[in-house]
N, C-alpha and C. Protein backbone atom coordinates (compact mmCIF):
# COMPACT_ATOMS: atom_id res chain seq x y z
N MET A 1 0.84 -1.18 0.00
CA MET A 1 0.00 0.00 0.00
C MET A 1 0.89 1.24 0.00
N THR A 2 0.40 2.26 -0.67
CA THR A 2 1.11 3.53 -0.73
C THR A 2 0.41 4.55 0.16
N TYR A 3 1.21 5.36 0.82
CA TYR A 3 0.71 6.43 1.69
C TYR A 3 1.24 7.75 1.16
N TYR A 4 0.53 8.81 1.46
CA TYR A 4 0.88 10.12 0.91
C TYR A 4 0.93 11.18 2.00
N THR A 5 1.88 12.07 1.85
CA THR A 5 1.91 13.33 2.59
C THR A 5 1.57 14.40 1.56
N TYR A 6 0.68 15.32 1.93
CA TYR A 6 0.22 16.29 0.95
C TYR A 6 0.05 17.67 1.56
N ILE A 7 0.04 18.66 0.68
CA ILE A 7 -0.17 20.05 1.08
C ILE A 7 -1.33 20.61 0.27
N LEU A 8 -2.25 21.24 0.98
CA LEU A 8 -3.37 21.94 0.37
C LEU A 8 -3.26 23.42 0.70
N THR A 9 -3.91 24.23 -0.12
CA THR A 9 -4.01 25.65 0.16
C THR A 9 -5.40 26.13 -0.27
N ASN A 10 -5.68 27.39 -0.02
CA ASN A 10 -6.95 27.96 -0.48
C ASN A 10 -6.72 28.60 -1.86
N LYS A 11 -7.77 29.18 -2.43
CA LYS A 11 -7.64 29.71 -3.80
C LYS A 11 -6.69 30.90 -3.88
N TYR A 12 -6.40 31.53 -2.76
CA TYR A 12 -5.48 32.68 -2.74
C TYR A 12 -4.06 32.28 -2.31
N ASN A 13 -3.85 31.01 -2.04
CA ASN A 13 -2.55 30.48 -1.60
C ASN A 13 -2.07 31.13 -0.30
N LYS A 14 -3.00 31.50 0.55
CA LYS A 14 -2.67 32.18 1.81
C LYS A 14 -2.60 31.23 3.00
N VAL A 15 -3.37 30.15 2.95
CA VAL A 15 -3.46 29.21 4.07
C VAL A 15 -2.88 27.88 3.62
N ILE A 16 -2.09 27.26 4.49
CA ILE A 16 -1.46 25.97 4.19
C ILE A 16 -2.02 24.91 5.14
N TYR A 17 -2.31 23.74 4.57
CA TYR A 17 -2.74 22.58 5.36
C TYR A 17 -1.86 21.41 4.94
N VAL A 18 -1.32 20.69 5.91
CA VAL A 18 -0.48 19.51 5.64
C VAL A 18 -1.18 18.30 6.23
N GLY A 19 -1.27 17.23 5.45
CA GLY A 19 -1.93 16.02 5.93
C GLY A 19 -1.26 14.78 5.37
N PHE A 20 -1.78 13.60 5.80
CA PHE A 20 -1.32 12.34 5.22
C PHE A 20 -2.51 11.41 5.10
N THR A 21 -2.41 10.47 4.16
CA THR A 21 -3.52 9.56 3.88
C THR A 21 -3.01 8.35 3.12
N ASN A 22 -3.84 7.31 3.06
CA ASN A 22 -3.51 6.16 2.22
C ASN A 22 -4.35 6.17 0.93
N ASP A 23 -5.26 7.11 0.80
CA ASP A 23 -6.10 7.23 -0.39
C ASP A 23 -6.20 8.72 -0.75
N LEU A 24 -5.24 9.19 -1.51
CA LEU A 24 -5.14 10.62 -1.79
C LEU A 24 -6.35 11.14 -2.56
N LYS A 25 -6.80 10.40 -3.55
CA LYS A 25 -7.95 10.85 -4.34
C LYS A 25 -9.18 11.02 -3.46
N LYS A 26 -9.46 10.03 -2.63
CA LYS A 26 -10.62 10.10 -1.73
C LYS A 26 -10.49 11.25 -0.75
N ARG A 27 -9.31 11.41 -0.19
CA ARG A 27 -9.11 12.45 0.82
C ARG A 27 -9.25 13.85 0.21
N ILE A 28 -8.73 14.04 -0.99
CA ILE A 28 -8.85 15.35 -1.63
C ILE A 28 -10.32 15.65 -1.95
N LEU A 29 -11.06 14.64 -2.39
CA LEU A 29 -12.49 14.84 -2.63
C LEU A 29 -13.22 15.21 -1.34
N GLU A 30 -12.82 14.61 -0.23
CA GLU A 30 -13.42 14.97 1.06
C GLU A 30 -13.16 16.44 1.38
N HIS A 31 -11.95 16.89 1.12
CA HIS A 31 -11.63 18.31 1.35
C HIS A 31 -12.46 19.19 0.42
N LYS A 32 -12.52 18.85 -0.86
CA LYS A 32 -13.25 19.66 -1.83
C LYS A 32 -14.75 19.70 -1.54
N ASN A 33 -15.29 18.58 -1.03
CA ASN A 33 -16.73 18.50 -0.72
C ASN A 33 -17.05 18.96 0.69
N LYS A 34 -16.04 19.47 1.41
CA LYS A 34 -16.22 19.99 2.77
C LYS A 34 -16.89 18.95 3.68
N LYS A 35 -16.39 17.72 3.61
CA LYS A 35 -16.96 16.64 4.42
C LYS A 35 -16.90 16.98 5.90
N TYR A 36 -15.83 17.60 6.33
CA TYR A 36 -15.66 17.98 7.73
C TYR A 36 -15.68 19.51 7.81
N LYS A 37 -16.87 20.08 7.80
CA LYS A 37 -17.04 21.53 7.71
C LYS A 37 -16.41 22.30 8.86
N ASN A 38 -16.34 21.69 10.04
CA ASN A 38 -15.78 22.38 11.20
C ASN A 38 -14.29 22.16 11.37
N SER A 39 -13.68 21.43 10.45
CA SER A 39 -12.24 21.18 10.53
C SER A 39 -11.47 22.41 10.03
N PHE A 40 -10.18 22.41 10.22
CA PHE A 40 -9.33 23.51 9.75
C PHE A 40 -9.53 23.74 8.26
N SER A 41 -9.45 22.65 7.49
CA SER A 41 -9.56 22.81 6.04
C SER A 41 -10.95 23.27 5.62
N GLY A 42 -11.97 22.84 6.34
CA GLY A 42 -13.33 23.29 6.05
C GLY A 42 -13.54 24.75 6.38
N LYS A 43 -13.04 25.17 7.51
CA LYS A 43 -13.22 26.57 7.95
C LYS A 43 -12.49 27.56 7.04
N TYR A 44 -11.33 27.15 6.54
CA TYR A 44 -10.50 28.07 5.76
C TYR A 44 -10.52 27.78 4.26
N ASN A 45 -11.47 26.95 3.82
CA ASN A 45 -11.64 26.62 2.39
C ASN A 45 -10.34 26.15 1.74
N VAL A 46 -9.67 25.26 2.43
CA VAL A 46 -8.39 24.73 1.96
C VAL A 46 -8.68 23.43 1.21
N ASP A 47 -8.70 23.51 -0.12
CA ASP A 47 -9.05 22.33 -0.90
C ASP A 47 -8.27 22.20 -2.21
N LYS A 48 -7.24 23.00 -2.38
CA LYS A 48 -6.43 22.97 -3.60
C LYS A 48 -5.14 22.20 -3.32
N LEU A 49 -5.00 21.04 -3.96
CA LEU A 49 -3.81 20.21 -3.79
C LEU A 49 -2.65 20.83 -4.57
N VAL A 50 -1.61 21.22 -3.85
CA VAL A 50 -0.46 21.86 -4.52
C VAL A 50 0.83 21.05 -4.39
N TYR A 51 0.81 20.01 -3.54
CA TYR A 51 2.02 19.21 -3.35
C TYR A 51 1.62 17.85 -2.77
N PHE A 52 2.32 16.80 -3.22
CA PHE A 52 2.17 15.49 -2.58
C PHE A 52 3.41 14.66 -2.83
N GLU A 53 3.63 13.71 -1.95
CA GLU A 53 4.73 12.77 -2.08
C GLU A 53 4.26 11.43 -1.55
N SER A 54 4.82 10.35 -2.06
CA SER A 54 4.39 9.01 -1.66
C SER A 54 5.41 8.37 -0.71
N HIS A 55 4.88 7.46 0.10
CA HIS A 55 5.69 6.74 1.09
C HIS A 55 5.25 5.29 1.13
N LYS A 56 6.14 4.42 1.55
CA LYS A 56 5.83 2.99 1.62
C LYS A 56 5.08 2.60 2.88
N THR A 57 5.19 3.42 3.93
CA THR A 57 4.51 3.09 5.18
C THR A 57 3.75 4.29 5.72
N ALA A 58 2.73 3.98 6.51
CA ALA A 58 1.96 5.05 7.16
C ALA A 58 2.86 5.83 8.11
N GLN A 59 3.76 5.13 8.77
CA GLN A 59 4.66 5.78 9.72
C GLN A 59 5.54 6.81 9.03
N ALA A 60 6.04 6.46 7.85
CA ALA A 60 6.90 7.40 7.11
C ALA A 60 6.11 8.62 6.65
N ALA A 61 4.88 8.40 6.18
CA ALA A 61 4.04 9.52 5.73
C ALA A 61 3.68 10.43 6.89
N ARG A 62 3.34 9.83 8.03
CA ARG A 62 2.96 10.62 9.21
C ARG A 62 4.16 11.40 9.75
N LYS A 63 5.33 10.74 9.76
CA LYS A 63 6.55 11.41 10.24
C LYS A 63 6.87 12.62 9.36
N ARG A 64 6.72 12.46 8.07
CA ARG A 64 6.97 13.57 7.14
C ARG A 64 5.93 14.68 7.33
N GLU A 65 4.67 14.31 7.54
CA GLU A 65 3.63 15.30 7.80
C GLU A 65 4.00 16.15 9.01
N ILE A 66 4.39 15.51 10.09
CA ILE A 66 4.75 16.22 11.32
C ILE A 66 5.95 17.13 11.08
N LEU A 67 6.94 16.62 10.35
CA LEU A 67 8.13 17.41 10.04
C LEU A 67 7.74 18.68 9.27
N ILE A 68 6.96 18.51 8.21
CA ILE A 68 6.58 19.66 7.38
C ILE A 68 5.72 20.64 8.17
N LYS A 69 4.82 20.13 9.01
CA LYS A 69 3.97 21.01 9.82
C LYS A 69 4.81 21.91 10.73
N ASN A 70 5.97 21.43 11.12
CA ASN A 70 6.84 22.21 12.01
C ASN A 70 7.76 23.17 11.27
N TRP A 71 7.75 23.13 9.96
CA TRP A 71 8.55 24.06 9.17
C TRP A 71 7.91 25.44 9.18
N ASN A 72 8.73 26.45 8.92
CA ASN A 72 8.17 27.80 8.76
C ASN A 72 7.53 27.91 7.37
N ARG A 73 6.79 28.95 7.16
CA ARG A 73 6.03 29.11 5.91
C ARG A 73 6.95 29.17 4.69
N GLU A 74 8.09 29.82 4.82
CA GLU A 74 9.01 29.92 3.68
C GLU A 74 9.48 28.54 3.22
N TRP A 75 9.80 27.66 4.15
CA TRP A 75 10.25 26.31 3.79
C TRP A 75 9.13 25.54 3.09
N LYS A 76 7.91 25.69 3.61
CA LYS A 76 6.76 25.02 2.97
C LYS A 76 6.56 25.56 1.56
N ASN A 77 6.65 26.87 1.41
CA ASN A 77 6.52 27.48 0.08
C ASN A 77 7.58 26.93 -0.87
N ASN A 78 8.81 26.82 -0.41
CA ASN A 78 9.90 26.31 -1.24
C ASN A 78 9.64 24.87 -1.67
N LEU A 79 9.10 24.06 -0.76
CA LEU A 79 8.78 22.68 -1.08
C LEU A 79 7.75 22.63 -2.21
N VAL A 80 6.70 23.42 -2.08
CA VAL A 80 5.67 23.47 -3.13
C VAL A 80 6.27 24.01 -4.42
N ASN A 81 7.04 25.09 -4.34
CA ASN A 81 7.62 25.70 -5.54
C ASN A 81 8.50 24.75 -6.33
N ASP A 82 9.21 23.85 -5.64
CA ASP A 82 10.07 22.89 -6.33
C ASP A 82 9.26 21.93 -7.21
N MET A 83 8.07 21.56 -6.77
CA MET A 83 7.23 20.61 -7.51
C MET A 83 6.23 21.32 -8.41
N ASN A 84 5.74 22.46 -7.95
CA ASN A 84 4.59 23.10 -8.57
C ASN A 84 4.74 24.62 -8.48
N PRO A 85 5.65 25.19 -9.28
CA PRO A 85 5.98 26.61 -9.13
C PRO A 85 4.81 27.57 -9.35
N ASP A 86 3.80 27.15 -10.09
CA ASP A 86 2.63 28.01 -10.31
C ASP A 86 1.50 27.76 -9.31
N TRP A 87 1.72 26.84 -8.41
CA TRP A 87 0.74 26.49 -7.38
C TRP A 87 -0.61 26.10 -8.01
N ASN A 88 -0.53 25.34 -9.10
CA ASN A 88 -1.74 24.85 -9.74
C ASN A 88 -2.37 23.75 -8.90
N ASP A 89 -3.67 23.56 -9.05
CA ASP A 89 -4.37 22.47 -8.37
C ASP A 89 -3.99 21.16 -9.06
N LEU A 90 -3.36 20.26 -8.32
CA LEU A 90 -2.90 18.99 -8.87
C LEU A 90 -3.94 17.89 -8.73
N GLY A 91 -5.10 18.22 -8.24
CA GLY A 91 -6.15 17.23 -8.05
C GLY A 91 -6.53 16.49 -9.32
N TRP A 92 -6.39 17.12 -10.46
CA TRP A 92 -6.72 16.49 -11.74
C TRP A 92 -5.82 15.30 -12.03
N MET A 93 -4.65 15.23 -11.39
CA MET A 93 -3.71 14.14 -11.63
C MET A 93 -4.14 12.83 -10.98
N LEU A 94 -5.09 12.91 -10.07
CA LEU A 94 -5.47 11.73 -9.29
C LEU A 94 -6.48 10.86 -10.01
């Protein structure tokens, strides 16, 4: 099984959300459909996938999520910029 660490933002690229999952397509659809309206991503309309990476274990994906969450905003921006310099929604790739 493959696990993913991912970064979402809002349409203005002002808010960053970092998460992990074993089903990236399903999880992104949950964010886009506001399945959890009272969650951070629901409150701040964070549903644009701008970065993701795959891992072989849930532990590795979770560890990376925690690491990225502890980074400052500039480091997170640089990570996204390396993969997706225009900050396009990558959800179509799923």
